[in-house]
Amino acid sequence: MSDPRTDTAPPGGIDYIAVEESPRFVELKRRHRGFVFPMAIAFLVWYFAYVLLSSFAPEFMAQRVWGDITLGLLFGLGQFVTTFAITMTYVWYANRKLDPISEEIRDELEQHEVAP
């Protein structure tokens, strides 16, 4: 039985399955996952630690740090700070590690699409 991908050219003349299986695209996915998965896990651990401490250690979270500022308030505000820090770090990472590869792939596809 023949492979349907090689029997006919897809619309537009680009075999997107072949592109997805190409070494550059596989590298792009590997780099993306290598950043996103560990960062997501770290953030979720931090978030659930905050929720669990709030629920099961209220005396700890109620400890005053300065005036009416408690550990719970600082941890809660830390969630926002962490979110912005992760976003800025991802943008920095994507600009330097992901975008150059994706631009190469896009340029190849655009050249292939224009060629007769």
PDB file of N, CA and C in Angstrom:
ATOM      1  N   MET A   1       0.850  -1.179   0.000  1.00  0.00           N
ATOM      2  CA  MET A   1       0.000   0.000   0.000  1.00  0.00           C
ATOM      3  C   MET A   1       0.896   1.242   0.000  1.00  0.00           C
ATOM      4  N   SER A   2       0.539   2.222  -0.768  1.00  0.00           N
ATOM      5  CA  SER A   2       1.370   3.415  -0.895  1.00  0.00           C
ATOM      6  C   SER A   2       1.019   4.428   0.194  1.00  0.00           C
ATOM      7  N   ASP A   3       1.947   5.335   0.398  1.00  0.00           N
ATOM      8  CA  ASP A   3       1.779   6.392   1.391  1.00  0.00           C
ATOM      9  C   ASP A   3       0.995   7.535   0.757  1.00  0.00           C
ATOM     10  N   PRO A   4      -0.176   7.883   1.301  1.00  0.00           N
ATOM     11  CA  PRO A   4      -0.988   8.948   0.688  1.00  0.00           C
ATOM     12  C   PRO A   4      -0.292  10.298   0.661  1.00  0.00           C
ATOM     13  N   ARG A   5       0.678  10.501   1.523  1.00  0.00           N
ATOM     14  CA  ARG A   5       1.373  11.791   1.527  1.00  0.00           C
ATOM     15  C   ARG A   5       2.244  11.963   0.298  1.00  0.00           C
ATOM     16  N   THR A   6       2.717  10.881  -0.274  1.00  0.00           N
ATOM     17  CA  THR A   6       3.606  10.986  -1.428  1.00  0.00           C
ATOM     18  C   THR A   6       2.876  10.806  -2.746  1.00  0.00           C
ATOM     19  N   ASP A   7       1.598  10.412  -2.702  1.00  0.00           N
ATOM     20  CA  ASP A   7       0.846  10.174  -3.925  1.00  0.00           C
ATOM     21  C   ASP A   7       0.458  11.464  -4.637  1.00  0.00           C
ATOM     22  N   THR A   8       0.017  12.454  -3.901  1.00  0.00           N
ATOM     23  CA  THR A   8      -0.410  13.710  -4.514  1.00  0.00           C
ATOM     24  C   THR A   8       0.142  14.870  -3.700  1.00  0.00           C
ATOM     25  N   ALA A   9       0.369  15.955  -4.395  1.00  0.00           N
ATOM     26  CA  ALA A   9       0.833  17.155  -3.708  1.00  0.00           C
ATOM     27  C   ALA A   9      -0.338  17.797  -2.979  1.00  0.00           C
ATOM     28  N   PRO A  10      -0.155  18.225  -1.752  1.00  0.00           N
ATOM     29  CA  PRO A  10      -1.236  18.874  -1.027  1.00  0.00           C
ATOM     30  C   PRO A  10      -1.530  20.249  -1.617  1.00  0.00           C
ATOM     31  N   PRO A  11      -2.684  20.811  -1.293  1.00  0.00           N
ATOM     32  CA  PRO A  11      -3.003  22.157  -1.781  1.00  0.00           C
ATOM     33  C   PRO A  11      -1.903  23.137  -1.372  1.00  0.00           C
ATOM     34  N   GLY A  12      -1.503  23.970  -2.284  1.00  0.00           N
ATOM     35  CA  GLY A  12      -0.453  24.946  -2.019  1.00  0.00           C
ATOM     36  C   GLY A  12       0.939  24.379  -2.225  1.00  0.00           C
ATOM     37  N   GLY A  13       1.036  23.074  -2.454  1.00  0.00           N
ATOM     38  CA  GLY A  13       2.316  22.457  -2.727  1.00  0.00           C
ATOM     39  C   GLY A  13       3.211  22.250  -1.521  1.00  0.00           C
ATOM     40  N   ILE A  14       2.708  22.449  -0.300  1.00  0.00           N
ATOM     41  CA  ILE A  14       3.520  22.281   0.900  1.00  0.00           C
ATOM     42  C   ILE A  14       3.008  21.075   1.672  1.00  0.00           C
ATOM     43  N   ASP A  15       3.899  20.162   1.968  1.00  0.00           N
ATOM     44  CA  ASP A  15       3.568  18.985   2.760  1.00  0.00           C
ATOM     45  C   ASP A  15       3.790  19.343   4.234  1.00  0.00           C
ATOM     46  N   TYR A  16       2.731  19.742   4.906  1.00  0.00           N
ATOM     47  CA  TYR A  16       2.851  20.213   6.277  1.00  0.00           C
ATOM     48  C   TYR A  16       3.205  19.099   7.254  1.00  0.00           C
ATOM     49  N   ILE A  17       2.853  17.883   6.937  1.00  0.00           N
ATOM     50  CA  ILE A  17       3.241  16.764   7.792  1.00  0.00           C
ATOM     51  C   ILE A  17       4.757  16.586   7.733  1.00  0.00           C
ATOM     52  N   ALA A  18       5.318  16.689   6.539  1.00  0.00           N
ATOM     53  CA  ALA A  18       6.776  16.603   6.406  1.00  0.00           C
ATOM     54  C   ALA A  18       7.455  17.749   7.145  1.00  0.00           C
ATOM     55  N   VAL A  19       6.868  18.934   7.101  1.00  0.00           N
ATOM     56  CA  VAL A  19       7.424  20.081   7.819  1.00  0.00           C
ATOM     57  C   VAL A  19       7.397  19.792   9.319  1.00  0.00           C
ATOM     58  N   GLU A  20       6.283  19.258   9.795  1.00  0.00           N
ATOM     59  CA  GLU A  20       6.159  18.963  11.219  1.00  0.00           C
ATOM     60  C   GLU A  20       7.160  17.902  11.672  1.00  0.00           C
ATOM     61  N   GLU A  21       7.529  17.015  10.781  1.00  0.00           N
ATOM     62  CA  GLU A  21       8.486  15.956  11.112  1.00  0.00           C
ATOM     63  C   GLU A  21       9.933  16.352  10.827  1.00  0.00           C
ATOM     64  N   SER A  22      10.147  17.549  10.287  1.00  0.00           N
ATOM     65  CA  SER A  22      11.499  17.990   9.945  1.00  0.00           C
ATOM     66  C   SER A  22      12.331  18.224  11.215  1.00  0.00           C
ATOM     67  N   PRO A  23      13.643  18.074  11.115  1.00  0.00           N
ATOM     68  CA  PRO A  23      14.503  18.266  12.291  1.00  0.00           C
ATOM     69  C   PRO A  23      14.378  19.649  12.929  1.00  0.00           C
ATOM     70  N   ARG A  24      14.230  20.694  12.111  1.00  0.00           N
ATOM     71  CA  ARG A  24      14.119  22.060  12.668  1.00  0.00           C
ATOM     72  C   ARG A  24      12.828  22.233  13.460  1.00  0.00           C
ATOM     73  N   PHE A  25      11.719  21.677  12.946  1.00  0.00           N
ATOM     74  CA  PHE A  25      10.450  21.805  13.650  1.00  0.00           C
ATOM     75  C   PHE A  25      10.466  20.978  14.934  1.00  0.00           C
ATOM     76  N   VAL A  26      11.051  19.789  14.866  1.00  0.00           N
ATOM     77  CA  VAL A  26      11.173  18.949  16.061  1.00  0.00           C
ATOM     78  C   VAL A  26      12.024  19.671  17.111  1.00  0.00           C
ATOM     79  N   GLU A  27      13.088  20.325  16.681  1.00  0.00           N
ATOM     80  CA  GLU A  27      13.930  21.099  17.598  1.00  0.00           C
ATOM     81  C   GLU A  27      13.150  22.269  18.204  1.00  0.00           C
ATOM     82  N   LEU A  28      12.354  22.934  17.393  1.00  0.00           N
ATOM     83  CA  LEU A  28      11.523  24.034  17.886  1.00  0.00           C
ATOM     84  C   LEU A  28      10.569  23.539  18.965  1.00  0.00           C
ATOM     85  N   LYS A  29       9.897  22.429  18.718  1.00  0.00           N
ATOM     86  CA  LYS A  29       8.976  21.872  19.713  1.00  0.00           C
ATOM     87  C   LYS A  29       9.725  21.443  20.978  1.00  0.00           C
ATOM     88  N   ARG A  30      10.908  20.847  20.811  1.00  0.00           N
ATOM     89  CA  ARG A  30      11.693  20.408  21.968  1.00  0.00           C
ATOM     90  C   ARG A  30      12.090  21.598  22.842  1.00  0.00           C
ATOM     91  N   ARG A  31      12.559  22.669  22.210  1.00  0.00           N
ATOM     92  CA  ARG A  31      12.944  23.863  22.970  1.00  0.00           C
ATOM     93  C   ARG A  31      11.747  24.497  23.668  1.00  0.00           C
ATOM     94  N   HIS A  32      10.624  24.565  22.968  1.00  0.00           N
ATOM     95  CA  HIS A  32       9.419  25.147  23.553  1.00  0.00           C
ATOM     96  C   HIS A  32       8.977  24.347  24.773  1.00  0.00           C
ATOM     97  N   ARG A  33       8.866  23.041  24.601  1.00  0.00           N
ATOM     98  CA  ARG A  33       8.444  22.187  25.718  1.00  0.00           C
ATOM     99  C   ARG A  33       9.466  22.196  26.846  1.00  0.00           C
ATOM    100  N   GLY A  34      10.744  22.286  26.489  1.00  0.00           N
ATOM    101  CA  GLY A  34      11.802  22.315  27.502  1.00  0.00           C
ATOM    102  C   GLY A  34      11.721  23.533  28.406  1.00  0.00           C
ATOM    103  N   PHE A  35      11.115  24.593  27.923  1.00  0.00           N
ATOM    104  CA  PHE A  35      10.917  25.782  28.752  1.00  0.00           C
ATOM    105  C   PHE A  35       9.553  25.757  29.429  1.00  0.00           C
ATOM    106  N   VAL A  36       8.511  25.494  28.654  1.00  0.00           N
ATOM    107  CA  VAL A  36       7.145  25.648  29.151  1.00  0.00           C
ATOM    108  C   VAL A  36       6.801  24.630  30.238  1.00  0.00           C
ATOM    109  N   PHE A  37       7.109  23.372  30.027  1.00  0.00           N
ATOM    110  CA  PHE A  37       6.706  22.358  31.008  1.00  0.00           C
ATOM    111  C   PHE A  37       7.369  22.560  32.372  1.00  0.00           C
ATOM    112  N   PRO A  38       8.683  22.723  32.454  1.00  0.00           N
ATOM    113  CA  PRO A  38       9.269  22.956  33.785  1.00  0.00           C
ATOM    114  C   PRO A  38       8.765  24.241  34.442  1.00  0.00           C
ATOM    115  N   MET A  39       8.575  25.293  33.641  1.00  0.00           N
ATOM    116  CA  MET A  39       8.106  26.551  34.207  1.00  0.00           C
ATOM    117  C   MET A  39       6.666  26.412  34.720  1.00  0.00           C
ATOM    118  N   ALA A  40       5.838  25.700  33.978  1.00  0.00           N
ATOM    119  CA  ALA A  40       4.451  25.484  34.406  1.00  0.00           C
ATOM    120  C   ALA A  40       4.412  24.657  35.684  1.00  0.00           C
ATOM    121  N   ILE A  41       5.224  23.625  35.752  1.00  0.00           N
ATOM    122  CA  ILE A  41       5.259  22.790  36.958  1.00  0.00           C
ATOM    123  C   ILE A  41       5.722  23.605  38.159  1.00  0.00           C
ATOM    124  N   ALA A  42       6.786  24.386  37.982  1.00  0.00           N
ATOM    125  CA  ALA A  42       7.294  25.212  39.081  1.00  0.00           C
ATOM    126  C   ALA A  42       6.230  26.204  39.557  1.00  0.00           C
ATOM    127  N   PHE A  43       5.530  26.835  38.614  1.00  0.00           N
ATOM    128  CA  PHE A  43       4.508  27.795  39.013  1.00  0.00           C
ATOM    129  C   PHE A  43       3.356  27.108  39.728  1.00  0.00           C
ATOM    130  N   LEU A  44       2.930  25.950  39.239  1.00  0.00           N
ATOM    131  CA  LEU A  44       1.825  25.236  39.883  1.00  0.00           C
ATOM    132  C   LEU A  44       2.189  24.779  41.289  1.00  0.00           C
ATOM    133  N   VAL A  45       3.430  24.332  41.474  1.00  0.00           N
ATOM    134  CA  VAL A  45       3.872  23.961  42.825  1.00  0.00           C
ATOM    135  C   VAL A  45       3.812  25.174  43.746  1.00  0.00           C
ATOM    136  N   TRP A  46       4.310  26.299  43.272  1.00  0.00           N
ATOM    137  CA  TRP A  46       4.295  27.550  44.048  1.00  0.00           C
ATOM    138  C   TRP A  46       2.844  27.975  44.343  1.00  0.00           C
ATOM    139  N   TYR A  47       1.981  27.906  43.351  1.00  0.00           N
ATOM    140  CA  TYR A  47       0.583  28.297  43.529  1.00  0.00           C
ATOM    141  C   TYR A  47      -0.123  27.393  44.541  1.00  0.00           C
ATOM    142  N   PHE A  48       0.017  26.068  44.381  1.00  0.00           N
ATOM    143  CA  PHE A  48      -0.654  25.153  45.298  1.00  0.00           C
ATOM    144  C   PHE A  48      -0.060  25.227  46.699  1.00  0.00           C
ATOM    145  N   ALA A  49       1.229  25.526  46.824  1.00  0.00           N
ATOM    146  CA  ALA A  49       1.809  25.740  48.148  1.00  0.00           C
ATOM    147  C   ALA A  49       1.121  26.922  48.822  1.00  0.00           C
ATOM    148  N   TYR A  50       0.892  27.984  48.069  1.00  0.00           N
ATOM    149  CA  TYR A  50       0.194  29.162  48.604  1.00  0.00           C
ATOM    150  C   TYR A  50      -1.227  28.812  49.031  1.00  0.00           C
ATOM    151  N   VAL A  51      -1.947  28.099  48.177  1.00  0.00           N
ATOM    152  CA  VAL A  51      -3.329  27.724  48.493  1.00  0.00           C
ATOM    153  C   VAL A  51      -3.371  26.811  49.714  1.00  0.00           C
ATOM    154  N   LEU A  52      -2.493  25.825  49.749  1.00  0.00           N
ATOM    155  CA  LEU A  52      -2.492  24.886  50.876  1.00  0.00           C
ATOM    156  C   LEU A  52      -2.080  25.569  52.173  1.00  0.00           C
ATOM    157  N   LEU A  53      -1.085  26.434  52.121  1.00  0.00           N
ATOM    158  CA  LEU A  53      -0.709  27.178  53.318  1.00  0.00           C
ATOM    159  C   LEU A  53      -1.853  28.066  53.796  1.00  0.00           C
ATOM    160  N   SER A  54      -2.548  28.684  52.864  1.00  0.00           N
ATOM    161  CA  SER A  54      -3.683  29.532  53.227  1.00  0.00           C
ATOM    162  C   SER A  54      -4.786  28.726  53.895  1.00  0.00           C
ATOM    163  N   SER A  55      -4.973  27.504  53.423  1.00  0.00           N
ATOM    164  CA  SER A  55      -6.047  26.667  53.939  1.00  0.00           C
ATOM    165  C   SER A  55      -5.682  25.949  55.230  1.00  0.00           C
ATOM    166  N   PHE A  56      -4.459  25.447  55.317  1.00  0.00           N
ATOM    167  CA  PHE A  56      -4.106  24.571  56.424  1.00  0.00           C
ATOM    168  C   PHE A  56      -3.092  25.150  57.410  1.00  0.00           C
ATOM    169  N   ALA A  57      -2.566  26.318  57.121  1.00  0.00           N
ATOM    170  CA  ALA A  57      -1.625  26.959  58.051  1.00  0.00           C
ATOM    171  C   ALA A  57      -1.962  28.440  58.202  1.00  0.00           C
ATOM    172  N   PRO A  58      -3.194  28.739  58.631  1.00  0.00           N
ATOM    173  CA  PRO A  58      -3.583  30.152  58.714  1.00  0.00           C
ATOM    174  C   PRO A  58      -2.756  30.950  59.726  1.00  0.00           C
ATOM    175  N   GLU A  59      -2.293  30.288  60.805  1.00  0.00           N
ATOM    176  CA  GLU A  59      -1.473  31.037  61.773  1.00  0.00           C
ATOM    177  C   GLU A  59      -0.136  31.444  61.166  1.00  0.00           C
ATOM    178  N   PHE A  60       0.416  30.555  60.348  1.00  0.00           N
ATOM    179  CA  PHE A  60       1.677  30.885  59.668  1.00  0.00           C
ATOM    180  C   PHE A  60       1.463  32.049  58.696  1.00  0.00           C
ATOM    181  N   MET A  61       0.392  31.965  57.909  1.00  0.00           N
ATOM    182  CA  MET A  61       0.131  33.017  56.912  1.00  0.00           C
ATOM    183  C   MET A  61      -0.265  34.337  57.570  1.00  0.00           C
ATOM    184  N   ALA A  62      -0.741  34.282  58.810  1.00  0.00           N
ATOM    185  CA  ALA A  62      -1.167  35.499  59.507  1.00  0.00           C
ATOM    186  C   ALA A  62      -0.024  36.194  60.244  1.00  0.00           C
ATOM    187  N   GLN A  63       1.159  35.628  60.197  1.00  0.00           N
ATOM    188  CA  GLN A  63       2.296  36.261  60.878  1.00  0.00           C
ATOM    189  C   GLN A  63       2.567  37.634  60.275  1.00  0.00           C
ATOM    190  N   ARG A  64       2.668  38.599  61.151  1.00  0.00           N
ATOM    191  CA  ARG A  64       2.925  39.966  60.697  1.00  0.00           C
ATOM    192  C   ARG A  64       4.407  40.132  60.375  1.00  0.00           C
ATOM    193  N   VAL A  65       4.646  40.770  59.240  1.00  0.00           N
ATOM    194  CA  VAL A  65       6.015  41.030  58.814  1.00  0.00           C
ATOM    195  C   VAL A  65       6.387  42.470  59.140  1.00  0.00           C
ATOM    196  N   TRP A  66       5.459  43.368  58.835  1.00  0.00           N
ATOM    197  CA  TRP A  66       5.673  44.793  59.066  1.00  0.00           C
ATOM    198  C   TRP A  66       4.315  45.468  59.143  1.00  0.00           C
ATOM    199  N   GLY A  67       3.975  46.026  60.270  1.00  0.00           N
ATOM    200  CA  GLY A  67       2.668  46.659  60.442  1.00  0.00           C
ATOM    201  C   GLY A  67       1.554  45.654  60.202  1.00  0.00           C
ATOM    202  N   ASP A  68       0.652  45.991  59.282  1.00  0.00           N
ATOM    203  CA  ASP A  68      -0.452  45.085  58.940  1.00  0.00           C
ATOM    204  C   ASP A  68      -0.115  44.152  57.776  1.00  0.00           C
ATOM    205  N   ILE A  69       1.115  44.135  57.347  1.00  0.00           N
ATOM    206  CA  ILE A  69       1.545  43.279  56.246  1.00  0.00           C
ATOM    207  C   ILE A  69       1.856  41.880  56.799  1.00  0.00           C
ATOM    208  N   THR A  70       1.160  40.868  56.270  1.00  0.00           N
ATOM    209  CA  THR A  70       1.350  39.492  56.736  1.00  0.00           C
ATOM    210  C   THR A  70       2.064  38.661  55.671  1.00  0.00           C
ATOM    211  N   LEU A  71       2.515  37.476  56.078  1.00  0.00           N
ATOM    212  CA  LEU A  71       3.126  36.563  55.127  1.00  0.00           C
ATOM    213  C   LEU A  71       2.130  36.180  54.036  1.00  0.00           C
ATOM    214  N   GLY A  72       0.875  35.977  54.413  1.00  0.00           N
ATOM    215  CA  GLY A  72      -0.151  35.617  53.422  1.00  0.00           C
ATOM    216  C   GLY A  72      -0.303  36.686  52.354  1.00  0.00           C
ATOM    217  N   LEU A  73      -0.293  37.940  52.768  1.00  0.00           N
ATOM    218  CA  LEU A  73      -0.395  39.036  51.804  1.00  0.00           C
ATOM    219  C   LEU A  73       0.826  39.061  50.888  1.00  0.00           C
ATOM    220  N   LEU A  74       1.996  38.882  51.458  1.00  0.00           N
ATOM    221  CA  LEU A  74       3.216  38.871  50.639  1.00  0.00           C
ATOM    222  C   LEU A  74       3.221  37.694  49.673  1.00  0.00           C
ATOM    223  N   PHE A  75       2.805  36.513  50.145  1.00  0.00           N
ATOM    224  CA  PHE A  75       2.735  35.355  49.254  1.00  0.00           C
ATOM    225  C   PHE A  75       1.708  35.580  48.152  1.00  0.00           C
ATOM    226  N   GLY A  76       0.581  36.185  48.491  1.00  0.00           N
ATOM    227  CA  GLY A  76      -0.452  36.470  47.487  1.00  0.00           C
ATOM    228  C   GLY A  76       0.043  37.443  46.435  1.00  0.00           C
ATOM    229  N   LEU A  77       0.685  38.505  46.866  1.00  0.00           N
ATOM    230  CA  LEU A  77       1.258  39.454  45.914  1.00  0.00           C
ATOM    231  C   LEU A  77       2.385  38.809  45.115  1.00  0.00           C
ATOM    232  N   GLY A  78       3.081  37.873  45.746  1.00  0.00           N
ATOM    233  CA  GLY A  78       4.133  37.140  45.055  1.00  0.00           C
ATOM    234  C   GLY A  78       3.607  36.339  43.878  1.00  0.00           C
ATOM    235  N   GLN A  79       2.348  35.924  43.939  1.00  0.00           N
ATOM    236  CA  GLN A  79       1.738  35.221  42.807  1.00  0.00           C
ATOM    237  C   GLN A  79       1.697  36.134  41.579  1.00  0.00           C
ATOM    238  N   PHE A  80       1.336  37.381  41.779  1.00  0.00           N
ATOM    239  CA  PHE A  80       1.299  38.330  40.658  1.00  0.00           C
ATOM    240  C   PHE A  80       2.712  38.607  40.132  1.00  0.00           C
ATOM    241  N   VAL A  81       3.640  38.804  41.042  1.00  0.00           N
ATOM    242  CA  VAL A  81       5.025  39.063  40.641  1.00  0.00           C
ATOM    243  C   VAL A  81       5.566  37.880  39.846  1.00  0.00           C
ATOM    244  N   THR A  82       5.282  36.673  40.328  1.00  0.00           N
ATOM    245  CA  THR A  82       5.750  35.473  39.638  1.00  0.00           C
ATOM    246  C   THR A  82       5.166  35.376  38.235  1.00  0.00           C
ATOM    247  N   THR A  83       3.888  35.677  38.103  1.00  0.00           N
ATOM    248  CA  THR A  83       3.242  35.623  36.795  1.00  0.00           C
ATOM    249  C   THR A  83       3.912  36.580  35.809  1.00  0.00           C
ATOM    250  N   PHE A  84       4.170  37.801  36.235  1.00  0.00           N
ATOM    251  CA  PHE A  84       4.836  38.767  35.356  1.00  0.00           C
ATOM    252  C   PHE A  84       6.271  38.334  35.052  1.00  0.00           C
ATOM    253  N   ALA A  85       6.963  37.796  36.046  1.00  0.00           N
ATOM    254  CA  ALA A  85       8.344  37.350  35.831  1.00  0.00           C
ATOM    255  C   ALA A  85       8.391  36.196  34.832  1.00  0.00           C
ATOM    256  N   ILE A  86       7.462  35.263  34.950  1.00  0.00           N
ATOM    257  CA  ILE A  86       7.423  34.143  34.010  1.00  0.00           C
ATOM    258  C   ILE A  86       7.126  34.653  32.603  1.00  0.00           C
ATOM    259  N   THR A  87       6.190  35.578  32.491  1.00  0.00           N
ATOM    260  CA  THR A  87       5.849  36.129  31.181  1.00  0.00           C
ATOM    261  C   THR A  87       7.052  36.826  30.552  1.00  0.00           C
ATOM    262  N   MET A  88       7.725  37.655  31.318  1.00  0.00           N
ATOM    263  CA  MET A  88       8.894  38.366  30.782  1.00  0.00           C
ATOM    264  C   MET A  88      10.013  37.391  30.421  1.00  0.00           C
ATOM    265  N   THR A  89      10.200  36.358  31.225  1.00  0.00           N
ATOM    266  CA  THR A  89      11.228  35.361  30.941  1.00  0.00           C
ATOM    267  C   THR A  89      10.896  34.585  29.678  1.00  0.00           C
ATOM    268  N   TYR A  90       9.619  34.244  29.512  1.00  0.00           N
ATOM    269  CA  TYR A  90       9.220  33.519  28.302  1.00  0.00           C
ATOM    270  C   TYR A  90       9.424  34.384  27.058  1.00  0.00           C
ATOM    271  N   VAL A  91       9.069  35.640  27.125  1.00  0.00           N
ATOM    272  CA  VAL A  91       9.260  36.535  25.976  1.00  0.00           C
ATOM    273  C   VAL A  91      10.741  36.621  25.631  1.00  0.00           C
ATOM    274  N   TRP A  92      11.589  36.763  26.639  1.00  0.00           N
ATOM    275  CA  TRP A  92      13.034  36.803  26.409  1.00  0.00           C
ATOM    276  C   TRP A  92      13.505  35.502  25.772  1.00  0.00           C
ATOM    277  N   TYR A  93      13.064  34.374  26.312  1.00  0.00           N
ATOM    278  CA  TYR A  93      13.464  33.058  25.798  1.00  0.00           C
ATOM    279  C   TYR A  93      12.974  32.862  24.364  1.00  0.00           C
ATOM    280  N   ALA A  94      11.724  33.198  24.114  1.00  0.00           N
ATOM    281  CA  ALA A  94      11.162  33.024  22.772  1.00  0.00           C
ATOM    282  C   ALA A  94      11.890  33.890  21.751  1.00  0.00           C
ATOM    283  N   ASN A  95      12.184  35.115  22.110  1.00  0.00           N
ATOM    284  CA  ASN A  95      12.896  36.010  21.185  1.00  0.00           C
ATOM    285  C   ASN A  95      14.269  35.476  20.808  1.00  0.00           C
ATOM    286  N   ARG A  96      14.936  34.830  21.731  1.00  0.00           N
ATOM    287  CA  ARG A  96      16.308  34.382  21.486  1.00  0.00           C
ATOM    288  C   ARG A  96      16.425  32.945  21.015  1.00  0.00           C
ATOM    289  N   LYS A  97      15.534  32.065  21.471  1.00  0.00           N
ATOM    290  CA  LYS A  97      15.691  30.642  21.186  1.00  0.00           C
ATOM    291  C   LYS A  97      14.638  30.069  20.234  1.00  0.00           C
ATOM    292  N   LEU A  98      13.433  30.600  20.260  1.00  0.00           N
ATOM    293  CA  LEU A  98      12.360  30.035  19.442  1.00  0.00           C
ATOM    294  C   LEU A  98      12.133  30.795  18.144  1.00  0.00           C
ATOM    295  N   ASP A  99      12.120  32.099  18.212  1.00  0.00           N
ATOM    296  CA  ASP A  99      11.819  32.905  17.029  1.00  0.00           C
ATOM    297  C   ASP A  99      12.797  32.708  15.875  1.00  0.00           C
ATOM    298  N   PRO A 100      14.111  32.597  16.129  1.00  0.00           N
ATOM    299  CA  PRO A 100      15.011  32.370  14.985  1.00  0.00           C
ATOM    300  C   PRO A 100      14.693  31.078  14.230  1.00  0.00           C
ATOM    301  N   ILE A 101      14.366  30.011  14.950  1.00  0.00           N
ATOM    302  CA  ILE A 101      14.036  28.742  14.286  1.00  0.00           C
ATOM    303  C   ILE A 101      12.713  28.865  13.547  1.00  0.00           C
ATOM    304  N   SER A 102      11.722  29.465  14.188  1.00  0.00           N
ATOM    305  CA  SER A 102      10.417  29.595  13.527  1.00  0.00           C
ATOM    306  C   SER A 102      10.502  30.494  12.294  1.00  0.00           C
ATOM    307  N   GLU A 103      11.361  31.506  12.336  1.00  0.00           N
ATOM    308  CA  GLU A 103      11.552  32.355  11.153  1.00  0.00           C
ATOM    309  C   GLU A 103      12.194  31.581  10.012  1.00  0.00           C
ATOM    310  N   GLU A 104      13.157  30.714  10.342  1.00  0.00           N
ATOM    311  CA  GLU A 104      13.772  29.878   9.308  1.00  0.00           C
ATOM    312  C   GLU A 104      12.725  28.974   8.653  1.00  0.00           C
ATOM    313  N   ILE A 105      11.906  28.345   9.480  1.00  0.00           N
ATOM    314  CA  ILE A 105      10.875  27.447   8.958  1.00  0.00           C
ATOM    315  C   ILE A 105       9.883  28.226   8.100  1.00  0.00           C
ATOM    316  N   ARG A 106       9.449  29.382   8.587  1.00  0.00           N
ATOM    317  CA  ARG A 106       8.503  30.207   7.831  1.00  0.00           C
ATOM    318  C   ARG A 106       9.109  30.660   6.508  1.00  0.00           C
ATOM    319  N   ASP A 107      10.365  31.091   6.525  1.00  0.00           N
ATOM    320  CA  ASP A 107      11.027  31.531   5.281  1.00  0.00           C
ATOM    321  C   ASP A 107      11.098  30.391   4.267  1.00  0.00           C
ATOM    322  N   GLU A 108      11.445  29.186   4.741  1.00  0.00           N
ATOM    323  CA  GLU A 108      11.478  28.032   3.841  1.00  0.00           C
ATOM    324  C   GLU A 108      10.102  27.765   3.235  1.00  0.00           C
ATOM    325  N   LEU A 109       9.065  27.840   4.060  1.00  0.00           N
ATOM    326  CA  LEU A 109       7.709  27.587   3.562  1.00  0.00           C
ATOM    327  C   LEU A 109       7.282  28.660   2.565  1.00  0.00           C
ATOM    328  N   GLU A 110       7.607  29.902   2.848  1.00  0.00           N
ATOM    329  CA  GLU A 110       7.239  30.983   1.929  1.00  0.00           C
ATOM    330  C   GLU A 110       7.979  30.845   0.602  1.00  0.00           C
ATOM    331  N   GLN A 111       9.239  30.460   0.632  1.00  0.00           N
ATOM    332  CA  GLN A 111      10.000  30.260  -0.615  1.00  0.00           C
ATOM    333  C   GLN A 111       9.425  29.097  -1.402  1.00  0.00           C
ATOM    334  N   HIS A 112       9.056  28.041  -0.720  1.00  0.00           N
ATOM    335  CA  HIS A 112       8.494  26.874  -1.387  1.00  0.00           C
ATOM    336  C   HIS A 112       7.126  27.203  -1.992  1.00  0.00           C
ATOM    337  N   GLU A 113       6.356  28.018  -1.289  1.00  0.00           N
ATOM    338  CA  GLU A 113       5.020  28.378  -1.771  1.00  0.00           C
ATOM    339  C   GLU A 113       5.093  29.260  -3.019  1.00  0.00           C
ATOM    340  N   VAL A 114       6.105  30.144  -3.082  1.00  0.00           N
ATOM    341  CA  VAL A 114       6.253  31.055  -4.217  1.00  0.00           C
ATOM    342  C   VAL A 114       6.827  30.333  -5.421  1.00  0.00           C
ATOM    343  N   ALA A 115       7.703  29.355  -5.178  1.00  0.00           N
ATOM    344  CA  ALA A 115       8.318  28.626  -6.293  1.00  0.00           C
ATOM    345  C   ALA A 115       7.270  27.818  -7.049  1.00  0.00           C
ATOM    346  N   PRO A 116       7.383  27.782  -8.409  1.00  0.00           N
ATOM    347  CA  PRO A 116       6.388  27.052  -9.202  1.00  0.00           C
ATOM    348  C   PRO A 116       6.513  25.564  -9.048  1.00  0.00           C
TER     349      PRO A 116
END
